[in-house]
Amino acid sequence: MKIEKLGIEGVWLGKSPILTDDRGNFREWFKSAEISEMTGKEFNVEQSNTSTSKKGVIRGIHYSLAQKGQGKWITCISGSIWDVVVDIRPSSSTYKKWIGMELSANEGTSILISEGLGHAFLSLEDNSVVSYLLTTQYSPSEEFEINPLDPALGITWPDLSNFMSVKDSSAPNLQTRYQQGNLPN
């Protein structure tokens, strides 16, 4: 596995080879020890989730204010997505910056997202399946969302014929979350 830093502190792109033969393919997509060695960050999985999305679905921007925070290891295991990480830490030098990139099941890529960052994605194909490894368990009272179409963030979504859950489409913008005191320290 190779891991490279991206343009926001606490975000890395993981790349692992996909071995293909007549039977199909095989990939080692997560190794805690390698991640720790390459990033200096411990990543202990406490929960694992998967989602399946139709083409054009946007999920997010989601984040947790759990006491320990919530790191994420995001992998597209079928189909493809446009994955977005947003720095929502007001004290960060990259506050409001976002990074977007395609993750595809055929490319062997994953995103490591540190605690205190927001995450969203757009499904680029029907039946895109995303796996999320989380460092803390889901806690509804500590989970928040920001509207992914917030003009102040200016995220360039590759497909504007999207649809979202009511929770995401009616989510407050970043400024409102800041005024509410509901952003990471």
Foldseek 3Di string as FASTA:
>chain_A
DDWDDDDFPQKIKDAWDWAQDPVGIDTDQDDQVVCCVRPVDGADFPDKDKDWAAAQAKDFQKFFPPVVFKKKKKAWQAAKKWKKKAQLDVVGPRHLAMDTDMHHNVGRMIMIGDGQITIMIGGRHHGTMMMIGMRDDDDVVGMAGAAPVQVSSVDDDPDPVHDYDPRNNVGHHSVVCVVVVNGYD
